[in-house]
């Protein structure tokens, strides 16, 4: 039978990396089904607001969405664990937790409360720490700074005296240009260059300690998914995995080229000072304890996440970090 679905993205069409993952997914499903299973992909704001897509899937307005789960932190903090939390996992660790650890199982159990099922749908890799009019050299420089970010990150930065504003990607440039915000983080060199932030704020921070490996998800209305035949369900799963791999490959390919261009154009890089990172780490852990004390859904998943993260970092310290740090110090 022929099936037509609609997918609501939270992203603008201009971002071929992150919006492109949903297009990649839809194309794979169409190809595998010989054109019988068509999914039309709609940019943020086209069918519903960028931050309205979970409601859209939950109430069946659309069959599915492609989004960053932590956008829905306001509904329940637990959403953030399916995407990224400050001082969380890198992209490889996140994929391992999802596919081999308990991540996918635990997150799906949580998402079932919203009448939907999740499939990993991409990762950006570690992100950059945002664009500033002047560099941050010490923790005190963050006080009173108006900064665009979302989710748990906002709660952590508020503890450091930052004034947080959550804006969708499409609204950041104007806010920076007008001066309604002083600084903003989005993704990394390729996406940020497209959106032109370097023109209004020349100092570029790293790393985004809040996004070591943020995962995007495909959310599918559970009834719509259950109504599919087994072969169509398998196509969804395979197409999501393909999009997941494809997105990270795109970022890893495009970011170095964009970063080189940005720096050649006058962008100045700076590393977050250690006192700011340490203060953020302390604030984040205090916030996680608070959330765990009052949100059982969060606590159940977070406890598993923390145990998994400790094991991963024990391993990554040796082979991966050992190899990376040597190679990155060489003149190649």
C-alpha atoms as a PDB file:
ATOM      1  CA  UNK A   1       0.000   0.000   0.000  1.00  0.00           C
ATOM      2  CA  UNK A   2       1.091   3.568  -0.602  1.00  0.00           C
ATOM      3  CA  UNK A   3       1.777   5.614   2.535  1.00  0.00           C
ATOM      4  CA  UNK A   4       2.230   9.358   2.846  1.00  0.00           C
ATOM      5  CA  UNK A   5       3.615  10.903   6.014  1.00  0.00           C
ATOM      6  CA  UNK A   6       4.629  14.416   7.013  1.00  0.00           C
ATOM      7  CA  UNK A   7       7.750  15.185   9.011  1.00  0.00           C
ATOM      8  CA  UNK A   8       8.061  18.466  10.944  1.00  0.00           C
ATOM      9  CA  UNK A   9      11.668  19.580  11.479  1.00  0.00           C
ATOM     10  CA  UNK A  10      12.789  22.073  14.130  1.00  0.00           C
ATOM     11  CA  UNK A  11      15.411  23.475  11.763  1.00  0.00           C
ATOM     12  CA  UNK A  12      15.634  25.963   8.886  1.00  0.00           C
ATOM     13  CA  UNK A  13      16.165  24.624   5.340  1.00  0.00           C
ATOM     14  CA  UNK A  14      19.406  26.603   5.038  1.00  0.00           C
ATOM     15  CA  UNK A  15      21.166  24.172   7.385  1.00  0.00           C
ATOM     16  CA  UNK A  16      21.884  21.323   4.987  1.00  0.00           C
ATOM     17  CA  UNK A  17      23.676  19.381   7.737  1.00  0.00           C
ATOM     18  CA  UNK A  18      21.001  19.246  10.408  1.00  0.00           C
ATOM     19  CA  UNK A  19      17.843  19.844   8.329  1.00  0.00           C
ATOM     20  CA  UNK A  20      19.443  17.670   5.649  1.00  0.00           C
ATOM     21  CA  UNK A  21      19.384  14.601   7.901  1.00  0.00           C
ATOM     22  CA  UNK A  22      15.584  14.489   7.686  1.00  0.00           C
ATOM     23  CA  UNK A  23      15.749  14.767   3.893  1.00  0.00           C
ATOM     24  CA  UNK A  24      18.350  12.000   3.788  1.00  0.00           C
ATOM     25  CA  UNK A  25      16.047   9.844   5.946  1.00  0.00           C
ATOM     26  CA  UNK A  26      12.978  10.474   3.752  1.00  0.00           C
ATOM     27  CA  UNK A  27      14.928   9.709   0.572  1.00  0.00           C
ATOM     28  CA  UNK A  28      16.186   6.407   1.985  1.00  0.00           C
ATOM     29  CA  UNK A  29      12.663   5.348   2.976  1.00  0.00           C
ATOM     30  CA  UNK A  30      11.351   6.271  -0.489  1.00  0.00           C
ATOM     31  CA  UNK A  31      14.200   4.386  -2.233  1.00  0.00           C
ATOM     32  CA  UNK A  32      13.804   1.253  -0.099  1.00  0.00           C
ATOM     33  CA  UNK A  33      10.047   1.157  -0.582  1.00  0.00           C
ATOM     34  CA  UNK A  34      10.266   1.718  -4.350  1.00  0.00           C
ATOM     35  CA  UNK A  35       8.491   5.054  -3.897  1.00  0.00           C
ATOM     36  CA  UNK A  36       5.523   3.546  -2.023  1.00  0.00           C
ATOM     37  CA  UNK A  37       6.398   5.166   1.335  1.00  0.00           C
ATOM     38  CA  UNK A  38       6.689   8.946   0.899  1.00  0.00           C
ATOM     39  CA  UNK A  39       7.610  11.291   3.744  1.00  0.00           C
ATOM     40  CA  UNK A  40       7.452  15.045   3.041  1.00  0.00           C
ATOM     41  CA  UNK A  41       9.908  17.110   5.100  1.00  0.00           C
ATOM     42  CA  UNK A  42       8.875  20.540   6.424  1.00  0.00           C
ATOM     43  CA  UNK A  43      11.198  23.183   7.894  1.00  0.00           C
ATOM     44  CA  UNK A  44      10.705  24.676  11.359  1.00  0.00           C
ATOM     45  CA  UNK A  45       7.802  27.129  11.310  1.00  0.00           C
ATOM     46  CA  UNK A  46       6.255  25.729   8.123  1.00  0.00           C
ATOM     47  CA  UNK A  47       3.630  23.420   9.662  1.00  0.00           C
ATOM     48  CA  UNK A  48       4.209  24.386  13.301  1.00  0.00           C
ATOM     49  CA  UNK A  49       6.733  26.331  15.386  1.00  0.00           C
ATOM     50  CA  UNK A  50      10.259  24.862  15.712  1.00  0.00           C
ATOM     51  CA  UNK A  51       9.636  24.141  19.393  1.00  0.00           C
ATOM     52  CA  UNK A  52       6.087  22.801  18.791  1.00  0.00           C
ATOM     53  CA  UNK A  53       6.972  19.554  17.043  1.00  0.00           C
ATOM     54  CA  UNK A  54       6.572  17.211  20.030  1.00  0.00           C
ATOM     55  CA  UNK A  55       3.007  18.476  20.511  1.00  0.00           C
ATOM     56  CA  UNK A  56       2.484  17.941  16.776  1.00  0.00           C
ATOM     57  CA  UNK A  57       3.604  14.296  16.947  1.00  0.00           C
ATOM     58  CA  UNK A  58       1.833  13.637  20.236  1.00  0.00           C
ATOM     59  CA  UNK A  59      -1.538  14.831  18.967  1.00  0.00           C
ATOM     60  CA  UNK A  60      -1.083  13.277  15.511  1.00  0.00           C
ATOM     61  CA  UNK A  61      -1.025  16.553  13.524  1.00  0.00           C
ATOM     62  CA  UNK A  62       2.091  15.067  11.870  1.00  0.00           C
ATOM     63  CA  UNK A  63       3.274  11.478  11.892  1.00  0.00           C
ATOM     64  CA  UNK A  64       6.823  12.400  12.825  1.00  0.00           C
ATOM     65  CA  UNK A  65       9.375  15.079  13.691  1.00  0.00           C
ATOM     66  CA  UNK A  66      13.120  15.614  13.548  1.00  0.00           C
ATOM     67  CA  UNK A  67      14.434  17.657  16.443  1.00  0.00           C
ATOM     68  CA  UNK A  68      16.857  18.132  19.331  1.00  0.00           C
ATOM     69  CA  UNK A  69      15.157  16.502  22.327  1.00  0.00           C
ATOM     70  CA  UNK A  70      16.588  19.030  24.817  1.00  0.00           C
ATOM     71  CA  UNK A  71      14.393  21.738  23.282  1.00  0.00           C
ATOM     72  CA  UNK A  72      11.615  20.151  25.357  1.00  0.00           C
ATOM     73  CA  UNK A  73      13.428  20.436  28.693  1.00  0.00           C
ATOM     74  CA  UNK A  74      10.588  22.725  29.821  1.00  0.00           C
ATOM     75  CA  UNK A  75       8.049  19.891  29.476  1.00  0.00           C
ATOM     76  CA  UNK A  76      10.277  17.528  31.451  1.00  0.00           C
ATOM     77  CA  UNK A  77      14.012  17.739  32.176  1.00  0.00           C
ATOM     78  CA  UNK A  78      14.358  14.089  31.104  1.00  0.00           C
ATOM     79  CA  UNK A  79      14.148  15.084  27.415  1.00  0.00           C
ATOM     80  CA  UNK A  80      17.662  16.567  27.704  1.00  0.00           C
ATOM     81  CA  UNK A  81      19.224  13.187  28.508  1.00  0.00           C
ATOM     82  CA  UNK A  82      18.250  11.979  25.028  1.00  0.00           C
ATOM     83  CA  UNK A  83      20.218  14.833  23.435  1.00  0.00           C
ATOM     84  CA  UNK A  84      22.957  16.423  25.547  1.00  0.00           C
ATOM     85  CA  UNK A  85      23.530  17.736  29.042  1.00  0.00           C
ATOM     86  CA  UNK A  86      26.501  19.821  30.205  1.00  0.00           C
ATOM     87  CA  UNK A  87      29.520  17.553  30.786  1.00  0.00           C
ATOM     88  CA  UNK A  88      27.709  14.579  29.215  1.00  0.00           C
ATOM     89  CA  UNK A  89      28.931  12.200  26.510  1.00  0.00           C
ATOM     90  CA  UNK A  90      30.795  12.717  23.258  1.00  0.00           C
ATOM     91  CA  UNK A  91      29.164  11.593  20.006  1.00  0.00           C
ATOM     92  CA  UNK A  92      30.756   8.130  19.943  1.00  0.00           C
ATOM     93  CA  UNK A  93      29.840   7.522  23.588  1.00  0.00           C
ATOM     94  CA  UNK A  94      26.286   8.736  23.019  1.00  0.00           C
ATOM     95  CA  UNK A  95      25.808   6.344  20.086  1.00  0.00           C
ATOM     96  CA  UNK A  96      27.242   3.489  22.169  1.00  0.00           C
ATOM     97  CA  UNK A  97      24.885   4.269  25.057  1.00  0.00           C
ATOM     98  CA  UNK A  98      21.909   4.400  22.685  1.00  0.00           C
ATOM     99  CA  UNK A  99      22.541   1.318  20.559  1.00  0.00           C
ATOM    100  CA  UNK A 100      24.443  -0.963  22.939  1.00  0.00           C
ATOM    101  CA  UNK A 101      23.845   0.455  26.412  1.00  0.00           C
ATOM    102  CA  UNK A 102      20.439   1.145  27.957  1.00  0.00           C
ATOM    103  CA  UNK A 103      20.018   4.593  26.390  1.00  0.00           C
ATOM    104  CA  UNK A 104      17.503   3.866  23.655  1.00  0.00           C
ATOM    105  CA  UNK A 105      15.482   1.486  25.805  1.00  0.00           C
ATOM    106  CA  UNK A 106      15.255   3.954  28.703  1.00  0.00           C
ATOM    107  CA  UNK A 107      14.513   6.983  26.525  1.00  0.00           C
ATOM    108  CA  UNK A 108      11.815   5.114  24.595  1.00  0.00           C
ATOM    109  CA  UNK A 109      10.164   4.118  27.848  1.00  0.00           C
ATOM    110  CA  UNK A 110      10.091   7.824  28.763  1.00  0.00           C
ATOM    111  CA  UNK A 111       8.924   9.025  25.313  1.00  0.00           C
ATOM    112  CA  UNK A 112       6.062   6.518  25.378  1.00  0.00           C
ATOM    113  CA  UNK A 113       4.399   8.904  27.884  1.00  0.00           C
ATOM    114  CA  UNK A 114       4.065  11.282  24.930  1.00  0.00           C
ATOM    115  CA  UNK A 115       2.622   8.637  22.599  1.00  0.00           C
ATOM    116  CA  UNK A 116       5.778   8.474  20.505  1.00  0.00           C
ATOM    117  CA  UNK A 117       8.790   6.292  19.748  1.00  0.00           C
ATOM    118  CA  UNK A 118      12.307   7.614  19.109  1.00  0.00           C
ATOM    119  CA  UNK A 119      15.080   6.715  16.660  1.00  0.00           C
ATOM    120  CA  UNK A 120      18.557   8.277  16.841  1.00  0.00           C
ATOM    121  CA  UNK A 121      18.683  10.785  13.980  1.00  0.00           C
ATOM    122  CA  UNK A 122      22.143  12.303  13.858  1.00  0.00           C
ATOM    123  CA  UNK A 123      24.785  13.938  16.005  1.00  0.00           C
ATOM    124  CA  UNK A 124      26.706  17.182  15.497  1.00  0.00           C
ATOM    125  CA  UNK A 125      29.825  16.049  17.358  1.00  0.00           C
ATOM    126  CA  UNK A 126      31.296  18.351  20.014  1.00  0.00           C
ATOM    127  CA  UNK A 127      30.133  21.900  19.458  1.00  0.00           C
ATOM    128  CA  UNK A 128      31.794  25.300  19.775  1.00  0.00           C
ATOM    129  CA  UNK A 129      31.125  27.524  22.771  1.00  0.00           C
ATOM    130  CA  UNK A 130      29.567  30.488  21.040  1.00  0.00           C
ATOM    131  CA  UNK A 131      30.210  33.964  19.648  1.00  0.00           C
ATOM    132  CA  UNK A 132      31.154  36.916  21.849  1.00  0.00           C
ATOM    133  CA  UNK A 133      31.824  40.575  21.219  1.00  0.00           C
ATOM    134  CA  UNK A 134      34.844  40.274  23.534  1.00  0.00           C
ATOM    135  CA  UNK A 135      36.583  37.159  24.875  1.00  0.00           C
ATOM    136  CA  UNK A 136      35.873  35.631  28.278  1.00  0.00           C
ATOM    137  CA  UNK A 137      39.175  35.483  30.178  1.00  0.00           C
ATOM    138  CA  UNK A 138      37.831  34.650  33.650  1.00  0.00           C
ATOM    139  CA  UNK A 139      34.637  33.463  35.309  1.00  0.00           C
ATOM    140  CA  UNK A 140      33.689  37.022  36.373  1.00  0.00           C
ATOM    141  CA  UNK A 141      33.411  38.082  32.698  1.00  0.00           C
ATOM    142  CA  UNK A 142      30.238  35.995  32.380  1.00  0.00           C
ATOM    143  CA  UNK A 143      28.317  38.001  34.966  1.00  0.00           C
ATOM    144  CA  UNK A 144      25.352  39.852  33.444  1.00  0.00           C
ATOM    145  CA  UNK A 145      26.108  38.612  29.924  1.00  0.00           C
ATOM    146  CA  UNK A 146      22.954  38.064  27.814  1.00  0.00           C
ATOM    147  CA  UNK A 147      23.508  34.707  26.111  1.00  0.00           C
ATOM    148  CA  UNK A 148      21.434  32.583  23.717  1.00  0.00           C
ATOM    149  CA  UNK A 149      21.238  28.926  24.673  1.00  0.00           C
ATOM    150  CA  UNK A 150      18.619  26.278  25.495  1.00  0.00           C
ATOM    151  CA  UNK A 151      17.809  23.502  27.961  1.00  0.00           C
ATOM    152  CA  UNK A 152      19.834  22.537  31.036  1.00  0.00           C
ATOM    153  CA  UNK A 153      22.722  24.680  29.776  1.00  0.00           C
ATOM    154  CA  UNK A 154      20.663  27.761  30.552  1.00  0.00           C
ATOM    155  CA  UNK A 155      20.116  26.627  34.149  1.00  0.00           C
ATOM    156  CA  UNK A 156      23.852  25.985  34.607  1.00  0.00           C
ATOM    157  CA  UNK A 157      24.934  29.303  33.079  1.00  0.00           C
ATOM    158  CA  UNK A 158      22.367  31.201  35.176  1.00  0.00           C
ATOM    159  CA  UNK A 159      24.251  29.954  38.245  1.00  0.00           C
ATOM    160  CA  UNK A 160      27.344  31.724  36.855  1.00  0.00           C
ATOM    161  CA  UNK A 161      25.447  35.009  36.519  1.00  0.00           C
ATOM    162  CA  UNK A 162      24.592  34.719  32.811  1.00  0.00           C
ATOM    163  CA  UNK A 163      21.223  36.070  31.615  1.00  0.00           C
ATOM    164  CA  UNK A 164      19.869  33.320  29.382  1.00  0.00           C
ATOM    165  CA  UNK A 165      17.610  33.688  26.330  1.00  0.00           C
ATOM    166  CA  UNK A 166      16.280  30.681  24.388  1.00  0.00           C
ATOM    167  CA  UNK A 167      15.882  31.494  20.690  1.00  0.00           C
ATOM    168  CA  UNK A 168      15.443  29.178  17.664  1.00  0.00           C
ATOM    169  CA  UNK A 169      18.334  29.142  15.166  1.00  0.00           C
ATOM    170  CA  UNK A 170      16.569  31.407  12.693  1.00  0.00           C
ATOM    171  CA  UNK A 171      16.280  34.305  15.179  1.00  0.00           C
ATOM    172  CA  UNK A 172      19.806  34.435  16.624  1.00  0.00           C
ATOM    173  CA  UNK A 173      21.552  36.640  14.058  1.00  0.00           C
ATOM    174  CA  UNK A 174      19.047  39.508  14.339  1.00  0.00           C
ATOM    175  CA  UNK A 175      19.174  39.435  18.135  1.00  0.00           C
ATOM    176  CA  UNK A 176      22.990  39.592  18.070  1.00  0.00           C
ATOM    177  CA  UNK A 177      23.018  42.327  15.445  1.00  0.00           C
ATOM    178  CA  UNK A 178      20.460  44.464  17.311  1.00  0.00           C
ATOM    179  CA  UNK A 179      22.283  43.927  20.591  1.00  0.00           C
ATOM    180  CA  UNK A 180      19.311  42.349  22.393  1.00  0.00           C
ATOM    181  CA  UNK A 181      21.806  39.580  23.263  1.00  0.00           C
ATOM    182  CA  UNK A 182      25.573  39.914  23.870  1.00  0.00           C
ATOM    183  CA  UNK A 183      26.601  36.420  22.821  1.00  0.00           C
ATOM    184  CA  UNK A 184      25.119  33.255  21.350  1.00  0.00           C
ATOM    185  CA  UNK A 185      25.931  29.618  20.785  1.00  0.00           C
ATOM    186  CA  UNK A 186      24.515  27.566  17.951  1.00  0.00           C
ATOM    187  CA  UNK A 187      26.447  24.562  16.611  1.00  0.00           C
ATOM    188  CA  UNK A 188      29.913  24.865  15.106  1.00  0.00           C
ATOM    189  CA  UNK A 189      31.947  26.448  12.303  1.00  0.00           C
ATOM    190  CA  UNK A 190      29.958  25.228   9.267  1.00  0.00           C
ATOM    191  CA  UNK A 191      26.464  26.099  10.512  1.00  0.00           C
ATOM    192  CA  UNK A 192      27.575  29.240  12.360  1.00  0.00           C
ATOM    193  CA  UNK A 193      29.353  30.617   9.276  1.00  0.00           C
ATOM    194  CA  UNK A 194      26.185  30.097   7.212  1.00  0.00           C
ATOM    195  CA  UNK A 195      24.201  32.091   9.760  1.00  0.00           C
ATOM    196  CA  UNK A 196      26.821  34.876   9.725  1.00  0.00           C
ATOM    197  CA  UNK A 197      27.482  35.249  13.462  1.00  0.00           C
ATOM    198  CA  UNK A 198      31.150  36.092  12.805  1.00  0.00           C
ATOM    199  CA  UNK A 199      30.021  39.383  11.239  1.00  0.00           C
ATOM    200  CA  UNK A 200      28.542  40.663  14.497  1.00  0.00           C
ATOM    201  CA  UNK A 201      30.621  38.949  17.224  1.00  0.00           C
ATOM    202  CA  UNK A 202      34.240  38.146  16.299  1.00  0.00           C
ATOM    203  CA  UNK A 203      35.347  36.065  19.310  1.00  0.00           C
ATOM    204  CA  UNK A 204      34.619  32.334  19.088  1.00  0.00           C
ATOM    205  CA  UNK A 205      34.740  30.196  22.240  1.00  0.00           C
ATOM    206  CA  UNK A 206      35.518  26.501  22.687  1.00  0.00           C
ATOM    207  CA  UNK A 207      34.571  23.923  23.808  1.00  0.00           C
ATOM    208  CA  UNK A 208      30.813  23.861  24.348  1.00  0.00           C
ATOM    209  CA  UNK A 209      31.069  21.952  27.639  1.00  0.00           C
ATOM    210  CA  UNK A 210      27.274  21.645  27.425  1.00  0.00           C
ATOM    211  CA  UNK A 211      27.323  19.788  24.095  1.00  0.00           C
ATOM    212  CA  UNK A 212      30.010  17.138  23.859  1.00  0.00           C
ATOM    213  CA  UNK A 213      27.909  15.088  21.446  1.00  0.00           C
ATOM    214  CA  UNK A 214      24.273  16.197  21.093  1.00  0.00           C
ATOM    215  CA  UNK A 215      22.000  13.659  19.453  1.00  0.00           C
ATOM    216  CA  UNK A 216      19.092  14.541  17.199  1.00  0.00           C
ATOM    217  CA  UNK A 217      16.056  12.283  17.166  1.00  0.00           C
ATOM    218  CA  UNK A 218      13.270  11.208  14.883  1.00  0.00           C
ATOM    219  CA  UNK A 219      10.102  11.149  16.971  1.00  0.00           C
ATOM    220  CA  UNK A 220       7.291   9.076  15.478  1.00  0.00           C
ATOM    221  CA  UNK A 221       3.686   8.969  16.625  1.00  0.00           C
ATOM    222  CA  UNK A 222       3.349   5.530  18.230  1.00  0.00           C
ATOM    223  CA  UNK A 223      -0.032   4.731  16.618  1.00  0.00           C
ATOM    224  CA  UNK A 224       1.295   5.686  13.183  1.00  0.00           C
ATOM    225  CA  UNK A 225       4.379   3.517  13.718  1.00  0.00           C
ATOM    226  CA  UNK A 226       2.354   0.551  15.040  1.00  0.00           C
ATOM    227  CA  UNK A 227       0.144   0.683  11.932  1.00  0.00           C
ATOM    228  CA  UNK A 228       3.135   0.046   9.629  1.00  0.00           C
ATOM    229  CA  UNK A 229       3.941  -3.393   8.226  1.00  0.00           C
ATOM    230  CA  UNK A 230       7.157  -5.033   9.542  1.00  0.00           C
ATOM    231  CA  UNK A 231       9.082  -4.206   6.361  1.00  0.00           C
ATOM    232  CA  UNK A 232       8.155  -0.503   6.588  1.00  0.00           C
ATOM    233  CA  UNK A 233       9.136  -0.465  10.268  1.00  0.00           C
ATOM    234  CA  UNK A 234      12.519  -1.940   9.315  1.00  0.00           C
ATOM    235  CA  UNK A 235      12.952   0.728   6.623  1.00  0.00           C
ATOM    236  CA  UNK A 236      12.363   3.461   9.208  1.00  0.00           C
ATOM    237  CA  UNK A 237      14.978   1.953  11.520  1.00  0.00           C
ATOM    238  CA  UNK A 238      17.592   1.529   8.778  1.00  0.00           C
ATOM    239  CA  UNK A 239      16.955   4.958   7.242  1.00  0.00           C
ATOM    240  CA  UNK A 240      17.289   6.597  10.683  1.00  0.00           C
ATOM    241  CA  UNK A 241      20.629   4.835  11.264  1.00  0.00           C
ATOM    242  CA  UNK A 242      21.843   5.970   7.837  1.00  0.00           C
ATOM    243  CA  UNK A 243      20.845   9.584   8.594  1.00  0.00           C
ATOM    244  CA  UNK A 244      22.489   9.303  12.020  1.00  0.00           C
ATOM    245  CA  UNK A 245      25.857   8.332  10.498  1.00  0.00           C
ATOM    246  CA  UNK A 246      25.533  10.738   7.581  1.00  0.00           C
ATOM    247  CA  UNK A 247      24.990  13.822   9.741  1.00  0.00           C
ATOM    248  CA  UNK A 248      28.119  13.351  11.843  1.00  0.00           C
ATOM    249  CA  UNK A 249      30.202  12.573   8.743  1.00  0.00           C
ATOM    250  CA  UNK A 250      28.988  15.846   7.173  1.00  0.00           C
ATOM    251  CA  UNK A 251      29.933  17.867  10.258  1.00  0.00           C
ATOM    252  CA  UNK A 252      33.347  16.235  10.577  1.00  0.00           C
ATOM    253  CA  UNK A 253      33.994  16.933   6.898  1.00  0.00           C
ATOM    254  CA  UNK A 254      32.666  20.495   6.711  1.00  0.00           C
ATOM    255  CA  UNK A 255      33.721  21.987  10.072  1.00  0.00           C
ATOM    256  CA  UNK A 256      37.511  22.082   9.475  1.00  0.00           C
ATOM    257  CA  UNK A 257      37.060  23.886   6.136  1.00  0.00           C
ATOM    258  CA  UNK A 258      34.666  26.429   7.677  1.00  0.00           C
ATOM    259  CA  UNK A 259      36.869  27.024  10.737  1.00  0.00           C
ATOM    260  CA  UNK A 260      39.873  27.770   8.518  1.00  0.00           C
ATOM    261  CA  UNK A 261      37.769  30.266   6.500  1.00  0.00           C
ATOM    262  CA  UNK A 262      36.414  31.946   9.642  1.00  0.00           C
ATOM    263  CA  UNK A 263      39.879  32.417  11.145  1.00  0.00           C
ATOM    264  CA  UNK A 264      41.218  33.731   7.797  1.00  0.00           C
ATOM    265  CA  UNK A 265      38.316  36.240   7.884  1.00  0.00           C
ATOM    266  CA  UNK A 266      39.265  37.594  11.305  1.00  0.00           C
ATOM    267  CA  UNK A 267      37.489  35.300  13.778  1.00  0.00           C
ATOM    268  CA  UNK A 268      39.508  35.019  16.995  1.00  0.00           C
ATOM    269  CA  UNK A 269      39.353  31.736  18.910  1.00  0.00           C
ATOM    270  CA  UNK A 270      39.537  31.539  22.683  1.00  0.00           C
ATOM    271  CA  UNK A 271      39.262  28.677  25.146  1.00  0.00           C
ATOM    272  CA  UNK A 272      36.882  28.939  28.097  1.00  0.00           C
ATOM    273  CA  UNK A 273      38.990  29.658  31.188  1.00  0.00           C
ATOM    274  CA  UNK A 274      39.385  26.783  33.634  1.00  0.00           C
ATOM    275  CA  UNK A 275      37.714  28.660  36.515  1.00  0.00           C
ATOM    276  CA  UNK A 276      34.571  29.102  34.373  1.00  0.00           C
ATOM    277  CA  UNK A 277      34.565  25.407  33.356  1.00  0.00           C
ATOM    278  CA  UNK A 278      35.073  24.287  36.969  1.00  0.00           C
ATOM    279  CA  UNK A 279      32.286  26.551  38.236  1.00  0.00           C
ATOM    280  CA  UNK A 280      29.979  25.250  35.494  1.00  0.00           C
ATOM    281  CA  UNK A 281      30.870  21.619  36.323  1.00  0.00           C
ATOM    282  CA  UNK A 282      30.054  22.199  39.989  1.00  0.00           C
ATOM    283  CA  UNK A 283      26.796  24.025  39.160  1.00  0.00           C
ATOM    284  CA  UNK A 284      25.750  21.287  36.703  1.00  0.00           C
ATOM    285  CA  UNK A 285      26.231  18.492  39.238  1.00  0.00           C
ATOM    286  CA  UNK A 286      24.246  20.402  41.873  1.00  0.00           C
ATOM    287  CA  UNK A 287      21.408  20.906  39.366  1.00  0.00           C
ATOM    288  CA  UNK A 288      21.432  17.195  38.430  1.00  0.00           C
ATOM    289  CA  UNK A 289      21.147  16.239  42.129  1.00  0.00           C
ATOM    290  CA  UNK A 290      18.203  18.610  42.523  1.00  0.00           C
ATOM    291  CA  UNK A 291      16.419  17.226  39.454  1.00  0.00           C
ATOM    292  CA  UNK A 292      17.080  13.628  40.578  1.00  0.00           C
ATOM    293  CA  UNK A 293      15.498  14.403  43.969  1.00  0.00           C
ATOM    294  CA  UNK A 294      12.219  15.516  42.413  1.00  0.00           C
ATOM    295  CA  UNK A 295      11.937  13.796  39.021  1.00  0.00           C
ATOM    296  CA  UNK A 296      11.927   9.960  39.148  1.00  0.00           C
ATOM    297  CA  UNK A 297      11.946   9.635  35.315  1.00  0.00           C
ATOM    298  CA  UNK A 298      15.121  11.725  35.148  1.00  0.00           C
ATOM    299  CA  UNK A 299      16.747   9.911  38.081  1.00  0.00           C
ATOM    300  CA  UNK A 300      16.215   6.466  36.569  1.00  0.00           C
ATOM    301  CA  UNK A 301      17.884   7.421  33.270  1.00  0.00           C
ATOM    302  CA  UNK A 302      20.505   9.764  34.731  1.00  0.00           C
ATOM    303  CA  UNK A 303      21.819   7.095  37.122  1.00  0.00           C
ATOM    304  CA  UNK A 304      22.386   4.742  34.190  1.00  0.00           C
ATOM    305  CA  UNK A 305      23.923   7.577  32.128  1.00  0.00           C
ATOM    306  CA  UNK A 306      26.435   8.490  34.865  1.00  0.00           C
ATOM    307  CA  UNK A 307      27.581   4.905  35.304  1.00  0.00           C
ATOM    308  CA  UNK A 308      27.987   4.538  31.540  1.00  0.00           C
ATOM    309  CA  UNK A 309      29.884   7.862  31.273  1.00  0.00           C
ATOM    310  CA  UNK A 310      32.410   6.812  33.947  1.00  0.00           C
ATOM    311  CA  UNK A 311      33.171   3.555  32.099  1.00  0.00           C
ATOM    312  CA  UNK A 312      33.481   5.340  28.772  1.00  0.00           C
ATOM    313  CA  UNK A 313      35.861   8.006  30.064  1.00  0.00           C
ATOM    314  CA  UNK A 314      38.024   5.376  31.714  1.00  0.00           C
ATOM    315  CA  UNK A 315      38.471   3.771  28.292  1.00  0.00           C
ATOM    316  CA  UNK A 316      38.639   6.922  26.134  1.00  0.00           C
ATOM    317  CA  UNK A 317      41.434   8.340  28.357  1.00  0.00           C
ATOM    318  CA  UNK A 318      43.830   5.729  27.035  1.00  0.00           C
ATOM    319  CA  UNK A 319      43.554   4.652  23.413  1.00  0.00           C
ATOM    320  CA  UNK A 320      41.406   7.418  21.912  1.00  0.00           C
ATOM    321  CA  UNK A 321      42.706  10.442  23.828  1.00  0.00           C
ATOM    322  CA  UNK A 322      46.257   9.099  23.734  1.00  0.00           C
ATOM    323  CA  UNK A 323      46.207   8.786  19.961  1.00  0.00           C
ATOM    324  CA  UNK A 324      44.324  12.069  19.406  1.00  0.00           C
ATOM    325  CA  UNK A 325      46.523  14.211  21.643  1.00  0.00           C
ATOM    326  CA  UNK A 326      49.702  12.901  19.997  1.00  0.00           C
ATOM    327  CA  UNK A 327      48.401  13.411  16.451  1.00  0.00           C
ATOM    328  CA  UNK A 328      47.049  16.888  17.191  1.00  0.00           C
ATOM    329  CA  UNK A 329      50.468  18.017  18.470  1.00  0.00           C
ATOM    330  CA  UNK A 330      52.235  17.008  15.244  1.00  0.00           C
ATOM    331  CA  UNK A 331      52.873  19.240  12.256  1.00  0.00           C
ATOM    332  CA  UNK A 332      51.170  17.224   9.523  1.00  0.00           C
END
